[in-house]
Amino acid sequence: MIDIIMGSKKSDQPLWEESKAKEVLTECGIPWRLSYISAHRHPEKLKKHCGDVMLGGVDAFIAAAGMAAHLPGAVATNSGFIIPVIGVALPSKEFPNAMDALMSIARMPAGCPVAVAGIGASGLRNAAIYAASIVANKNKKVKEALAAYLKKNTPAPDENCESSEGEGQ
């Protein structure tokens, strides 16, 4: 199971829908759960949620937030850094390019790992693919479903893209 936590239903749900991340997980046959919990406004609720998850059954977290983007780090901390956390930076009115959120997620201190999947809707889809690959490492059916999903949904290379063979310098 993939546990997805987003900071705000009002601002984040449209990005979740746009991302098609749920389609990735569903097509791969992976159960998932989506919750909206603010790390800043409801730290005790987040702590309880992560503690409940530690009882078993979750393969990875996807944690998405904008602005200070404390959520991925808080999820990692509250799960004892045992379950992989994939962070996604989301845009905000103040910072539509989400660079503040991206830097908050990417600058975790040593010993406090959080993966970064990108920004916005594409980051959410990448996070779902990455989470599916975590599950695929131990589940052959998911591995086959993920390979089929990627084959069907990965754009063909650009015709103008050239490659050459030879010795590197």
N, C-alpha and C. Protein backbone atom coordinates (compact mmCIF):
# COMPACT_ATOMS: atom_id res chain seq x y z
N MET A 1 0.84 -1.18 0.00
CA MET A 1 0.00 0.00 0.00
C MET A 1 0.89 1.24 0.00
N ILE A 2 0.43 2.26 -0.72
CA ILE A 2 1.11 3.55 -0.75
C ILE A 2 0.24 4.53 0.02
N ASP A 3 0.83 5.20 0.98
CA ASP A 3 0.12 6.17 1.80
C ASP A 3 0.48 7.57 1.29
N ILE A 4 -0.50 8.27 0.78
CA ILE A 4 -0.28 9.61 0.22
C ILE A 4 -0.83 10.63 1.20
N ILE A 5 0.01 11.62 1.52
CA ILE A 5 -0.41 12.69 2.42
C ILE A 5 -0.13 14.01 1.72
N MET A 6 -1.16 14.84 1.68
CA MET A 6 -1.02 16.18 1.11
C MET A 6 -1.41 17.18 2.19
N GLY A 7 -0.82 18.37 2.12
CA GLY A 7 -1.00 19.35 3.17
C GLY A 7 -2.34 20.04 3.22
N SER A 8 -2.98 20.24 2.07
CA SER A 8 -4.22 21.02 2.04
C SER A 8 -5.15 20.50 0.95
N LYS A 9 -6.34 20.09 1.35
CA LYS A 9 -7.30 19.60 0.35
C LYS A 9 -7.68 20.72 -0.62
N LYS A 10 -7.91 21.90 -0.09
CA LYS A 10 -8.37 23.02 -0.93
C LYS A 10 -7.38 23.34 -2.05
N SER A 11 -6.11 23.44 -1.73
CA SER A 11 -5.14 23.84 -2.76
C SER A 11 -4.49 22.67 -3.47
N ASP A 12 -4.42 21.50 -2.83
CA ASP A 12 -3.65 20.39 -3.39
C ASP A 12 -4.47 19.38 -4.18
N GLN A 13 -5.76 19.25 -3.88
CA GLN A 13 -6.58 18.25 -4.57
C GLN A 13 -6.60 18.44 -6.09
N PRO A 14 -6.70 19.68 -6.61
CA PRO A 14 -6.68 19.83 -8.07
C PRO A 14 -5.40 19.29 -8.71
N LEU A 15 -4.26 19.48 -8.05
CA LEU A 15 -3.00 18.94 -8.58
C LEU A 15 -3.00 17.41 -8.53
N TRP A 16 -3.57 16.85 -7.48
CA TRP A 16 -3.67 15.39 -7.38
C TRP A 16 -4.47 14.83 -8.55
N GLU A 17 -5.60 15.45 -8.84
CA GLU A 17 -6.45 15.00 -9.94
C GLU A 17 -5.71 15.16 -11.28
N GLU A 18 -5.07 16.30 -11.48
CA GLU A 18 -4.35 16.57 -12.74
C GLU A 18 -3.20 15.59 -12.96
N SER A 19 -2.56 15.17 -11.89
CA SER A 19 -1.35 14.35 -12.00
C SER A 19 -1.59 12.95 -12.57
N LYS A 20 -2.77 12.42 -12.36
CA LYS A 20 -3.10 11.05 -12.75
C LYS A 20 -2.26 10.02 -11.99
N ALA A 21 -1.73 10.43 -10.84
CA ALA A 21 -0.94 9.52 -10.01
C ALA A 21 -1.78 8.33 -9.54
N LYS A 22 -3.07 8.58 -9.24
CA LYS A 22 -3.91 7.46 -8.79
C LYS A 22 -4.08 6.43 -9.88
N GLU A 23 -4.07 6.85 -11.15
CA GLU A 23 -4.16 5.90 -12.26
C GLU A 23 -2.92 5.02 -12.33
N VAL A 24 -1.76 5.61 -12.06
CA VAL A 24 -0.52 4.81 -12.05
C VAL A 24 -0.65 3.69 -11.03
N LEU A 25 -1.00 4.06 -9.80
CA LEU A 25 -1.08 3.07 -8.73
C LEU A 25 -2.18 2.05 -8.99
N THR A 26 -3.32 2.51 -9.46
CA THR A 26 -4.44 1.61 -9.73
C THR A 26 -4.12 0.64 -10.85
N GLU A 27 -3.53 1.14 -11.95
CA GLU A 27 -3.16 0.26 -13.07
C GLU A 27 -2.12 -0.77 -12.66
N CYS A 28 -1.30 -0.42 -11.69
CA CYS A 28 -0.28 -1.37 -11.22
C CYS A 28 -0.82 -2.31 -10.15
N GLY A 29 -2.09 -2.12 -9.78
CA GLY A 29 -2.70 -3.00 -8.78
C GLY A 29 -2.24 -2.74 -7.37
N ILE A 30 -1.81 -1.52 -7.10
CA ILE A 30 -1.30 -1.17 -5.78
C ILE A 30 -2.38 -0.40 -5.01
N PRO A 31 -2.77 -0.89 -3.84
CA PRO A 31 -3.72 -0.13 -3.04
C PRO A 31 -3.07 1.16 -2.54
N TRP A 32 -3.89 2.19 -2.38
CA TRP A 32 -3.37 3.47 -1.92
C TRP A 32 -4.43 4.16 -1.08
N ARG A 33 -3.96 5.10 -0.26
CA ARG A 33 -4.85 5.89 0.58
C ARG A 33 -4.37 7.33 0.54
N LEU A 34 -5.30 8.26 0.40
CA LEU A 34 -4.97 9.69 0.35
C LEU A 34 -5.56 10.37 1.57
N SER A 35 -4.70 11.12 2.27
CA SER A 35 -5.13 11.91 3.43
C SER A 35 -4.63 13.33 3.27
N TYR A 36 -5.34 14.26 3.86
CA TYR A 36 -4.92 15.66 3.89
C TYR A 36 -4.63 16.01 5.34
N ILE A 37 -3.35 16.23 5.64
CA ILE A 37 -2.93 16.56 7.00
C ILE A 37 -1.84 17.61 6.92
N SER A 38 -2.04 18.74 7.52
CA SER A 38 -1.02 19.79 7.55
C SER A 38 -0.01 19.49 8.65
N ALA A 39 1.26 19.47 8.29
CA ALA A 39 2.31 19.23 9.28
C ALA A 39 2.40 20.39 10.27
N HIS A 40 2.08 21.59 9.82
CA HIS A 40 2.16 22.76 10.70
C HIS A 40 0.92 22.94 11.55
N ARG A 41 -0.24 22.72 10.96
CA ARG A 41 -1.49 22.98 11.68
C ARG A 41 -1.97 21.80 12.53
N HIS A 42 -1.57 20.59 12.14
CA HIS A 42 -2.05 19.39 12.85
C HIS A 42 -0.92 18.39 13.10
N PRO A 43 0.14 18.82 13.81
CA PRO A 43 1.29 17.92 14.01
C PRO A 43 0.94 16.65 14.78
N GLU A 44 0.03 16.74 15.75
CA GLU A 44 -0.34 15.55 16.52
C GLU A 44 -1.12 14.56 15.68
N LYS A 45 -1.99 15.07 14.79
CA LYS A 45 -2.75 14.20 13.88
C LYS A 45 -1.78 13.48 12.94
N LEU A 46 -0.76 14.21 12.44
CA LEU A 46 0.23 13.59 11.56
C LEU A 46 1.03 12.53 12.30
N LYS A 47 1.43 12.83 13.51
CA LYS A 47 2.19 11.88 14.32
C LYS A 47 1.38 10.60 14.55
N LYS A 48 0.10 10.73 14.87
CA LYS A 48 -0.76 9.56 15.08
C LYS A 48 -0.92 8.78 13.77
N HIS A 49 -1.14 9.49 12.67
CA HIS A 49 -1.30 8.84 11.37
C HIS A 49 -0.05 8.01 11.03
N CYS A 50 1.11 8.60 11.18
CA CYS A 50 2.35 7.88 10.87
C CYS A 50 2.57 6.72 11.83
N GLY A 51 2.21 6.89 13.09
CA GLY A 51 2.32 5.81 14.07
C GLY A 51 1.42 4.64 13.72
N ASP A 52 0.19 4.95 13.27
CA ASP A 52 -0.74 3.90 12.85
C ASP A 52 -0.19 3.15 11.64
N VAL A 53 0.43 3.88 10.72
CA VAL A 53 1.01 3.27 9.52
C VAL A 53 2.15 2.32 9.88
N MET A 54 2.87 2.65 10.91
CA MET A 54 4.00 1.82 11.32
C MET A 54 3.57 0.43 11.76
N LEU A 55 2.27 0.24 12.01
CA LEU A 55 1.77 -1.08 12.40
C LEU A 55 1.83 -2.07 11.25
N GLY A 56 2.10 -1.57 10.03
CA GLY A 56 2.33 -2.49 8.91
C GLY A 56 1.49 -2.21 7.70
N GLY A 57 1.96 -2.77 6.58
CA GLY A 57 1.20 -2.72 5.35
C GLY A 57 1.53 -1.60 4.40
N VAL A 58 2.31 -0.61 4.80
CA VAL A 58 2.64 0.50 3.91
C VAL A 58 4.05 0.31 3.37
N ASP A 59 4.16 0.38 2.03
CA ASP A 59 5.46 0.20 1.38
C ASP A 59 6.21 1.52 1.22
N ALA A 60 5.47 2.63 1.06
CA ALA A 60 6.10 3.93 0.88
C ALA A 60 5.06 5.02 1.13
N PHE A 61 5.57 6.20 1.47
CA PHE A 61 4.76 7.39 1.59
C PHE A 61 5.03 8.29 0.39
N ILE A 62 4.01 8.99 -0.07
CA ILE A 62 4.18 10.14 -0.94
C ILE A 62 3.67 11.31 -0.12
N ALA A 63 4.52 12.30 0.11
CA ALA A 63 4.15 13.47 0.91
C ALA A 63 4.34 14.70 0.04
N ALA A 64 3.26 15.44 -0.17
CA ALA A 64 3.30 16.59 -1.07
C ALA A 64 2.82 17.84 -0.35
N ALA A 65 3.60 18.92 -0.48
CA ALA A 65 3.23 20.16 0.18
C ALA A 65 3.90 21.33 -0.50
N GLY A 66 3.32 22.49 -0.31
CA GLY A 66 3.89 23.73 -0.83
C GLY A 66 4.42 24.58 0.30
N MET A 67 4.82 25.77 -0.05
CA MET A 67 5.37 26.76 0.87
C MET A 67 6.55 26.18 1.64
N ALA A 68 6.49 26.07 2.95
CA ALA A 68 7.64 25.59 3.72
C ALA A 68 7.88 24.09 3.50
N ALA A 69 6.89 23.39 3.01
CA ALA A 69 6.99 21.96 2.65
C ALA A 69 7.61 21.13 3.77
N HIS A 70 7.14 21.36 4.97
CA HIS A 70 7.61 20.60 6.13
C HIS A 70 7.08 19.17 6.12
N LEU A 71 6.02 18.91 5.39
CA LEU A 71 5.32 17.62 5.45
C LEU A 71 6.21 16.41 5.15
N PRO A 72 6.95 16.36 4.04
CA PRO A 72 7.76 15.15 3.79
C PRO A 72 8.75 14.85 4.91
N GLY A 73 9.42 15.86 5.42
CA GLY A 73 10.36 15.65 6.52
C GLY A 73 9.66 15.21 7.79
N ALA A 74 8.50 15.79 8.06
CA ALA A 74 7.74 15.40 9.25
C ALA A 74 7.24 13.97 9.14
N VAL A 75 6.82 13.55 7.95
CA VAL A 75 6.39 12.17 7.75
C VAL A 75 7.57 11.23 7.97
N ALA A 76 8.72 11.57 7.41
CA ALA A 76 9.91 10.73 7.59
C ALA A 76 10.28 10.62 9.06
N THR A 77 10.26 11.73 9.76
CA THR A 77 10.60 11.74 11.19
C THR A 77 9.61 10.89 11.98
N ASN A 78 8.32 11.11 11.73
CA ASN A 78 7.28 10.40 12.49
C ASN A 78 7.18 8.92 12.14
N SER A 79 7.78 8.51 11.04
CA SER A 79 7.80 7.08 10.70
C SER A 79 9.18 6.47 11.00
N GLY A 80 10.00 7.21 11.70
CA GLY A 80 11.29 6.69 12.13
C GLY A 80 12.28 6.43 11.02
N PHE A 81 12.07 7.04 9.85
CA PHE A 81 12.95 6.87 8.70
C PHE A 81 13.04 5.42 8.23
N ILE A 82 12.01 4.63 8.53
CA ILE A 82 12.01 3.21 8.17
C ILE A 82 11.25 2.97 6.87
N ILE A 83 10.19 3.71 6.64
CA ILE A 83 9.40 3.58 5.41
C ILE A 83 9.84 4.68 4.46
N PRO A 84 10.15 4.37 3.20
CA PRO A 84 10.59 5.41 2.26
C PRO A 84 9.54 6.52 2.11
N VAL A 85 10.03 7.76 2.08
CA VAL A 85 9.19 8.93 1.88
C VAL A 85 9.62 9.61 0.58
N ILE A 86 8.65 9.82 -0.30
CA ILE A 86 8.89 10.49 -1.57
C ILE A 86 8.22 11.86 -1.47
N GLY A 87 9.02 12.90 -1.50
CA GLY A 87 8.50 14.25 -1.36
C GLY A 87 8.20 14.89 -2.71
N VAL A 88 7.12 15.67 -2.75
CA VAL A 88 6.75 16.41 -3.95
C VAL A 88 6.50 17.87 -3.54
N ALA A 89 7.19 18.77 -4.22
CA ALA A 89 7.02 20.20 -3.97
C ALA A 89 5.82 20.72 -4.76
N LEU A 90 4.96 21.45 -4.09
CA LEU A 90 3.77 21.98 -4.75
C LEU A 90 3.83 23.50 -4.82
N PRO A 91 3.31 24.07 -5.90
CA PRO A 91 3.30 25.53 -6.03
C PRO A 91 2.33 26.16 -5.04
N SER A 92 2.58 27.42 -4.74
CA SER A 92 1.69 28.20 -3.89
C SER A 92 1.45 29.55 -4.55
N LYS A 93 0.51 30.30 -4.03
CA LYS A 93 0.26 31.64 -4.59
C LYS A 93 1.52 32.50 -4.50
N GLU A 94 2.22 32.38 -3.39
CA GLU A 94 3.41 33.21 -3.17
C GLU A 94 4.58 32.78 -4.04
N PHE A 95 4.70 31.47 -4.28
CA PHE A 95 5.81 30.92 -5.05
C PHE A 95 5.28 29.92 -6.07
N PRO A 96 4.76 30.40 -7.19
CA PRO A 96 4.15 29.49 -8.17
C PRO A 96 5.13 28.51 -8.81
N ASN A 97 6.41 28.78 -8.73
CA ASN A 97 7.38 27.83 -9.29
C ASN A 97 7.80 26.77 -8.27
N ALA A 98 7.33 26.88 -7.03
CA ALA A 98 7.54 25.91 -5.96
C ALA A 98 8.99 25.74 -5.54
N MET A 99 9.85 26.68 -5.89
CA MET A 99 11.26 26.53 -5.53
C MET A 99 11.47 26.54 -4.02
N ASP A 100 10.66 27.30 -3.28
CA ASP A 100 10.80 27.30 -1.82
C ASP A 100 10.49 25.91 -1.26
N ALA A 101 9.42 25.30 -1.76
CA ALA A 101 9.04 23.96 -1.30
C ALA A 101 10.09 22.93 -1.72
N LEU A 102 10.57 23.04 -2.94
CA LEU A 102 11.58 22.11 -3.44
C LEU A 102 12.83 22.15 -2.57
N MET A 103 13.29 23.33 -2.26
CA MET A 103 14.49 23.46 -1.43
C MET A 103 14.25 22.94 -0.02
N SER A 104 13.05 23.13 0.51
CA SER A 104 12.73 22.61 1.85
C SER A 104 12.80 21.09 1.88
N ILE A 105 12.38 20.45 0.82
CA ILE A 105 12.39 18.99 0.77
C ILE A 105 13.79 18.47 0.47
N ALA A 106 14.47 19.11 -0.46
CA ALA A 106 15.79 18.63 -0.90
C ALA A 106 16.88 18.84 0.14
N ARG A 107 16.67 19.75 1.08
CA ARG A 107 17.73 20.09 2.03
C ARG A 107 17.57 19.41 3.37
N MET A 108 17.15 18.16 3.36
CA MET A 108 17.04 17.40 4.61
C MET A 108 18.45 17.12 5.13
N PRO A 109 18.62 17.16 6.45
CA PRO A 109 19.95 16.90 7.00
C PRO A 109 20.36 15.44 6.85
N ALA A 110 21.65 15.19 6.93
CA ALA A 110 22.18 13.83 6.84
C ALA A 110 21.50 12.94 7.89
N GLY A 111 21.15 11.74 7.47
CA GLY A 111 20.49 10.81 8.37
C GLY A 111 18.98 10.91 8.38
N CYS A 112 18.44 11.86 7.62
CA CYS A 112 16.99 12.09 7.56
C CYS A 112 16.56 12.05 6.10
N PRO A 113 16.57 10.86 5.48
CA PRO A 113 16.33 10.78 4.03
C PRO A 113 14.89 11.01 3.61
N VAL A 114 14.75 11.80 2.55
CA VAL A 114 13.49 12.01 1.84
C VAL A 114 13.86 12.11 0.37
N ALA A 115 13.26 11.28 -0.47
CA ALA A 115 13.48 11.38 -1.91
C ALA A 115 12.67 12.55 -2.45
N VAL A 116 13.14 13.15 -3.54
CA VAL A 116 12.43 14.26 -4.17
C VAL A 116 12.03 13.82 -5.58
N ALA A 117 10.72 13.86 -5.86
CA ALA A 117 10.23 13.38 -7.15
C ALA A 117 9.95 14.51 -8.14
N GLY A 118 9.95 15.73 -7.71
CA GLY A 118 9.70 16.82 -8.63
C GLY A 118 8.73 17.84 -8.06
N ILE A 119 8.13 18.58 -8.99
CA ILE A 119 7.26 19.70 -8.64
C ILE A 119 5.88 19.50 -9.26
N GLY A 120 4.84 19.82 -8.51
CA GLY A 120 3.49 19.88 -9.04
C GLY A 120 2.95 18.54 -9.52
N ALA A 121 2.06 18.62 -10.52
CA ALA A 121 1.38 17.42 -11.03
C ALA A 121 2.37 16.40 -11.60
N SER A 122 3.39 16.85 -12.33
CA SER A 122 4.35 15.88 -12.88
C SER A 122 5.16 15.24 -11.75
N GLY A 123 5.46 15.98 -10.70
CA GLY A 123 6.14 15.42 -9.55
C GLY A 123 5.29 14.37 -8.85
N LEU A 124 3.98 14.62 -8.76
CA LEU A 124 3.09 13.63 -8.15
C LEU A 124 3.04 12.34 -8.97
N ARG A 125 2.97 12.48 -10.30
CA ARG A 125 2.97 11.28 -11.14
C ARG A 125 4.30 10.55 -11.01
N ASN A 126 5.41 11.27 -11.03
CA ASN A 126 6.72 10.64 -10.85
C ASN A 126 6.80 9.93 -9.51
N ALA A 127 6.25 10.54 -8.47
CA ALA A 127 6.26 9.92 -7.14
C ALA A 127 5.48 8.61 -7.16
N ALA A 128 4.35 8.58 -7.86
CA ALA A 128 3.56 7.35 -7.95
C ALA A 128 4.34 6.27 -8.70
N ILE A 129 5.02 6.64 -9.76
CA ILE A 129 5.84 5.67 -10.51
C ILE A 129 6.98 5.16 -9.63
N TYR A 130 7.62 6.06 -8.92
CA TYR A 130 8.72 5.67 -8.03
C TYR A 130 8.21 4.75 -6.91
N ALA A 131 7.06 5.09 -6.33
CA ALA A 131 6.48 4.24 -5.29
C ALA A 131 6.14 2.87 -5.86
N ALA A 132 5.60 2.83 -7.06
CA ALA A 132 5.29 1.55 -7.72
C ALA A 132 6.56 0.73 -7.93
N SER A 133 7.66 1.40 -8.26
CA SER A 133 8.91 0.66 -8.46
C SER A 133 9.43 0.08 -7.15
N ILE A 134 9.15 0.75 -6.04
CA ILE A 134 9.53 0.19 -4.73
C ILE A 134 8.77 -1.11 -4.48
N VAL A 135 7.46 -1.08 -4.74
CA VAL A 135 6.63 -2.27 -4.57
C VAL A 135 7.03 -3.34 -5.57
N ALA A 136 7.37 -2.93 -6.80
CA ALA A 136 7.73 -3.88 -7.87
C ALA A 136 8.97 -4.70 -7.52
N ASN A 137 9.83 -4.18 -6.68
CA ASN A 137 11.02 -4.94 -6.29
C ASN A 137 10.70 -6.23 -5.57
N LYS A 138 9.53 -6.32 -4.97
CA LYS A 138 9.18 -7.54 -4.25
C LYS A 138 7.90 -8.19 -4.77
N ASN A 139 7.33 -7.66 -5.85
CA ASN A 139 6.07 -8.18 -6.36
C ASN A 139 6.12 -8.26 -7.88
N LYS A 140 6.19 -9.47 -8.40
CA LYS A 140 6.34 -9.67 -9.84
C LYS A 140 5.15 -9.13 -10.63
N LYS A 141 3.93 -9.29 -10.13
CA LYS A 141 2.75 -8.78 -10.83
C LYS A 141 2.80 -7.26 -10.96
N VAL A 142 3.23 -6.60 -9.91
CA VAL A 142 3.35 -5.14 -9.96
C VAL A 142 4.46 -4.74 -10.93
N LYS A 143 5.55 -5.48 -10.93
CA LYS A 143 6.65 -5.19 -11.85
C LYS A 143 6.18 -5.27 -13.30
N GLU A 144 5.42 -6.31 -13.62
CA GLU A 144 4.89 -6.46 -14.98
C GLU A 144 3.89 -5.36 -15.31
N ALA A 145 3.03 -5.03 -14.37
CA ALA A 145 2.03 -3.97 -14.59
C ALA A 145 2.70 -2.61 -14.76
N LEU A 146 3.74 -2.35 -13.96
CA LEU A 146 4.46 -1.07 -14.08
C LEU A 146 5.17 -0.99 -15.43
N ALA A 147 5.79 -2.08 -15.85
CA ALA A 147 6.46 -2.09 -17.16
C ALA A 147 5.45 -1.81 -18.27
N ALA A 148 4.27 -2.41 -18.19
CA ALA A 148 3.23 -2.18 -19.20
C ALA A 148 2.74 -0.74 -19.15
N TYR A 149 2.55 -0.20 -17.94
CA TYR A 149 2.12 1.19 -17.81
C TYR A 149 3.15 2.13 -18.45
N LEU A 150 4.41 1.92 -18.14
CA LEU A 150 5.46 2.80 -18.66
C LEU A 150 5.58 2.69 -20.17
N LYS A 151 5.45 1.48 -20.69
CA LYS A 151 5.53 1.30 -22.14
C LYS A 151 4.40 2.06 -22.83
N LYS A 152 3.22 2.01 -22.25
CA LYS A 152 2.04 2.65 -22.83
C LYS A 152 2.06 4.18 -22.66
N ASN A 153 2.68 4.66 -21.57
CA ASN A 153 2.56 6.08 -21.22
C ASN A 153 3.84 6.90 -21.31
N THR A 154 4.92 6.30 -21.74
CA THR A 154 6.17 7.05 -21.89
C THR A 154 6.26 7.55 -23.33
N PRO A 155 6.44 8.85 -23.50
CA PRO A 155 6.53 9.38 -24.87
C PRO A 155 7.72 8.80 -25.63
N ALA A 156 7.55 8.67 -26.93
CA ALA A 156 8.65 8.21 -27.79
C ALA A 156 9.74 9.26 -27.80
N PRO A 157 10.97 8.85 -28.03
CA PRO A 157 12.06 9.83 -28.11
C PRO A 157 11.82 10.84 -29.23
N ASP A 158 12.31 12.02 -29.02
CA ASP A 158 12.21 13.08 -30.02
C ASP A 158 12.98 12.66 -31.27
N GLU A 159 12.37 12.85 -32.43
CA GLU A 159 13.03 12.46 -33.69
C GLU A 159 14.34 13.21 -33.89
N ASN A 160 14.45 14.39 -33.32
CA ASN A 160 15.66 15.19 -33.49
C ASN A 160 16.76 14.80 -32.52
N CYS A 161 16.47 13.87 -31.66
CA CYS A 161 17.45 13.42 -30.68
C CYS A 161 18.42 12.47 -31.36
N GLU A 162 19.67 12.80 -31.33
CA GLU A 162 20.67 11.96 -31.97
C GLU A 162 21.55 11.32 -30.91
N SER A 163 22.08 10.17 -31.25
CA SER A 163 23.06 9.55 -30.38
C SER A 163 24.22 9.13 -31.28
N SER A 164 25.36 9.03 -30.65
CA SER A 164 26.51 8.58 -31.42
C SER A 164 27.29 7.58 -30.59
N GLU A 165 27.96 6.71 -31.27
CA GLU A 165 28.78 5.73 -30.57
C GLU A 165 30.23 6.15 -30.72
N GLY A 166 30.98 5.78 -29.76
CA GLY A 166 32.39 6.10 -29.83
C GLY A 166 32.99 6.14 -28.45
N GLU A 167 34.21 6.54 -28.42
CA GLU A 167 34.93 6.58 -27.16
C GLU A 167 34.70 7.92 -26.48
N GLY A 168 34.48 7.85 -25.18
CA GLY A 168 34.33 9.08 -24.39
C GLY A 168 35.66 9.77 -24.22
N GLN A 169 35.64 11.00 -23.88
CA GLN A 169 36.89 11.74 -23.73
C GLN A 169 37.17 12.07 -22.31
